Amino acid sequence: MYNPTVPLIHPGEQLREEFVKPRGLSVERLATDIGVPINHVQALMAEKREVSVEMALRLARYFGTSPKFWLDLQRDYDLWLTEVSTGAQIAARVRPYSS
């Protein structure tokens, strides 16, 4: 269970702060180099778009990481966001299984 009071970092922030800025990359260069429209990269870095499986493959190839790295960031963020928005309702509604 995630602590809803401690926000997780969106994968777009990780991309922006840990990969793009330190390398001095522009959004245009990254988009061109990975073969996607500029608005896709802009939306991801603005935290308005999710990392898709295809984007994970492209980012992994480009930055020398693994696709799993990018997908794990997205999954963890989504799980945290869902815990924050509906975790209490689910906990109140769903009783643990007992034999």
Protein backbone atom coordinates (compact mmCIF):
# COMPACT_ATOMS: atom_id res chain seq x y z
CA MET A 1 0.00 0.00 0.00
CA TYR A 2 1.31 3.44 -0.92
CA ASN A 3 1.31 6.33 1.48
CA PRO A 4 -1.12 8.79 -0.09
CA THR A 5 0.54 11.70 1.71
CA VAL A 6 3.85 11.11 -0.09
CA PRO A 7 3.35 11.78 -3.79
CA LEU A 8 5.20 9.68 -6.33
CA ILE A 9 7.02 11.25 -9.23
CA HIS A 10 5.29 11.14 -12.60
CA PRO A 11 7.41 9.39 -15.25
CA GLY A 12 7.34 12.61 -17.28
CA GLU A 13 9.06 14.46 -14.45
CA GLN A 14 11.69 11.72 -14.26
CA LEU A 15 12.23 11.98 -18.01
CA ARG A 16 12.48 15.76 -17.87
CA GLU A 17 14.67 16.12 -14.77
CA GLU A 18 16.89 13.03 -14.95
CA PHE A 19 17.31 12.44 -18.67
CA VAL A 20 16.48 15.48 -20.80
CA LYS A 21 17.74 18.47 -18.79
CA PRO A 22 21.11 16.99 -17.78
CA ARG A 23 21.85 16.20 -21.43
CA GLY A 24 20.71 19.59 -22.69
CA LEU A 25 18.22 17.92 -25.01
CA SER A 26 15.37 19.85 -26.53
CA VAL A 27 11.89 18.40 -26.79
CA GLU A 28 12.18 18.67 -30.55
CA ARG A 29 15.44 16.71 -30.68
CA LEU A 30 14.15 13.97 -28.38
CA ALA A 31 10.92 13.62 -30.36
CA THR A 32 12.78 13.51 -33.67
CA ASP A 33 15.39 11.05 -32.41
CA ILE A 34 12.81 8.62 -31.02
CA GLY A 35 10.41 9.07 -33.94
CA VAL A 36 7.31 10.45 -32.25
CA PRO A 37 5.36 13.70 -32.63
CA ILE A 38 6.67 16.59 -30.55
CA ASN A 39 3.33 16.96 -28.78
CA HIS A 40 3.66 13.40 -27.41
CA VAL A 41 6.95 14.22 -25.71
CA GLN A 42 5.66 17.62 -24.56
CA ALA A 43 2.56 16.04 -23.00
CA LEU A 44 4.60 13.34 -21.27
CA MET A 45 7.08 15.84 -19.86
CA ALA A 46 4.17 18.08 -18.77
CA GLU A 47 2.79 15.05 -16.89
CA LYS A 48 -0.35 14.97 -19.02
CA ARG A 49 0.39 11.72 -20.83
CA GLU A 50 1.26 8.23 -19.67
CA VAL A 51 4.24 6.16 -20.74
CA SER A 52 2.83 3.63 -23.19
CA VAL A 53 4.52 0.31 -23.92
CA GLU A 54 5.70 1.67 -27.26
CA MET A 55 7.07 4.84 -25.67
CA ALA A 56 8.84 2.72 -23.04
CA LEU A 57 10.56 0.79 -25.84
CA ARG A 58 11.62 3.99 -27.57
CA LEU A 59 12.90 5.70 -24.42
CA ALA A 60 14.73 2.57 -23.30
CA ARG A 61 16.52 2.22 -26.64
CA TYR A 62 17.41 5.90 -26.74
CA PHE A 63 18.66 6.30 -23.18
CA GLY A 64 20.12 2.82 -22.72
CA THR A 65 17.67 1.80 -20.02
CA SER A 66 15.12 -1.01 -20.04
CA PRO A 67 11.50 -0.72 -21.10
CA LYS A 68 10.62 -2.19 -17.70
CA PHE A 69 12.22 0.84 -16.01
CA TRP A 70 9.76 3.20 -17.74
CA LEU A 71 6.77 0.91 -17.34
CA ASP A 72 7.52 0.39 -13.65
CA LEU A 73 7.62 4.15 -13.11
CA GLN A 74 4.23 4.46 -14.79
CA ARG A 75 2.71 1.49 -12.95
CA ASP A 76 3.90 2.73 -9.56
CA TYR A 77 2.57 6.22 -10.28
CA ASP A 78 -0.80 4.85 -11.42
CA LEU A 79 -1.08 2.63 -8.36
CA TRP A 80 -0.28 5.55 -6.05
CA LEU A 81 -2.79 7.80 -7.83
CA THR A 82 -5.52 5.16 -7.57
CA GLU A 83 -4.73 4.54 -3.91
CA VAL A 84 -5.11 8.25 -3.24
CA SER A 85 -8.36 8.60 -5.18
CA THR A 86 -10.20 5.38 -4.33
CA GLY A 87 -8.14 3.42 -1.80
CA ALA A 88 -10.31 4.34 1.18
CA GLN A 89 -13.51 3.43 -0.69
CA ILE A 90 -12.07 0.08 -1.72
CA ALA A 91 -10.85 -0.65 1.81
CA ALA A 92 -14.31 0.16 3.20
CA ARG A 93 -16.14 -1.93 0.60
CA VAL A 94 -13.94 -4.99 0.09
CA ARG A 95 -13.54 -7.46 2.92
CA PRO A 96 -10.43 -9.67 2.85
CA TYR A 97 -11.06 -13.30 1.96
CA SER A 98 -11.23 -15.72 4.84
CA SER A 99 -11.60 -19.48 4.61
